């Protein structure tokens, strides 16, 4: 995953850097550094983001 991919995913799925950091259990500046390419994005992060996306979809469906 590239920094630009993470930024696009975050915005598309309605997460602020603060909210995403909280959900992932990392510092806000870690998300910032990933998105700026200052820090390497963990290779497994795409799996975690996919789970977050699926859980968000399930919550939306259960509210209907």
Protein backbone atom coordinates (compact mmCIF):
# COMPACT_ATOMS: atom_id res chain seq x y z
CA UNK A 1 0.00 0.00 0.00
CA UNK A 2 1.30 3.42 -0.96
CA UNK A 3 0.82 6.56 1.14
CA UNK A 4 -1.60 7.99 -1.44
CA UNK A 5 -3.67 4.77 -1.29
CA UNK A 6 -4.03 5.10 2.48
CA UNK A 7 -5.07 8.74 2.19
CA UNK A 8 -7.66 7.93 -0.49
CA UNK A 9 -9.02 5.00 1.54
CA UNK A 10 -9.30 7.09 4.69
CA UNK A 11 -11.17 9.92 2.99
CA UNK A 12 -13.43 7.59 0.98
CA UNK A 13 -14.45 5.74 4.14
CA UNK A 14 -15.03 8.85 6.25
CA UNK A 15 -12.15 8.60 8.71
CA UNK A 16 -10.15 11.52 10.02
CA UNK A 17 -6.52 10.85 10.91
CA UNK A 18 -7.51 11.03 14.56
CA UNK A 19 -10.39 8.57 14.22
CA UNK A 20 -8.35 6.09 12.16
CA UNK A 21 -5.44 6.28 14.61
CA UNK A 22 -7.79 5.60 17.52
CA UNK A 23 -9.36 2.58 15.80
CA UNK A 24 -5.92 1.19 14.86
CA UNK A 25 -4.45 1.85 18.31
CA UNK A 26 -1.64 4.06 17.02
CA UNK A 27 -0.69 7.70 17.54
CA UNK A 28 -2.27 10.26 15.23
CA UNK A 29 1.16 11.33 14.00
CA UNK A 30 1.78 7.73 12.89
CA UNK A 31 -1.14 7.94 10.43
CA UNK A 32 0.15 11.35 9.30
CA UNK A 33 3.64 9.93 8.74
CA UNK A 34 2.29 6.93 6.81
CA UNK A 35 0.32 9.24 4.52
CA UNK A 36 3.30 11.53 3.96
CA UNK A 37 5.66 8.63 3.25
CA UNK A 38 7.78 9.48 6.27
CA UNK A 39 7.21 6.09 7.82
CA UNK A 40 6.72 2.70 6.19
CA UNK A 41 3.15 1.44 6.16
CA UNK A 42 2.89 -2.03 7.74
CA UNK A 43 2.38 -4.71 5.10
CA UNK A 44 -0.72 -6.04 6.88
CA UNK A 45 -2.53 -2.69 7.13
CA UNK A 46 -4.58 -3.33 4.00
CA UNK A 47 -6.13 -6.36 5.74
CA UNK A 48 -7.09 -4.29 8.76
CA UNK A 49 -8.61 -1.58 6.57
CA UNK A 50 -10.64 -4.20 4.70
CA UNK A 51 -12.05 -5.44 8.04
CA UNK A 52 -12.92 -1.87 9.06
CA UNK A 53 -14.72 -1.37 5.76
CA UNK A 54 -16.70 -4.61 6.14
CA UNK A 55 -17.68 -3.80 9.73
CA UNK A 56 -18.84 -0.33 8.70
CA UNK A 57 -21.00 -1.85 5.95
CA UNK A 58 -22.49 -4.39 8.37
CA UNK A 59 -23.39 -1.63 10.84
CA UNK A 60 -25.12 0.37 8.11
CA UNK A 61 -27.16 -2.65 7.02
CA UNK A 62 -28.17 -3.55 10.57
CA UNK A 63 -29.52 -0.02 11.18
CA UNK A 64 -32.01 -0.38 8.30
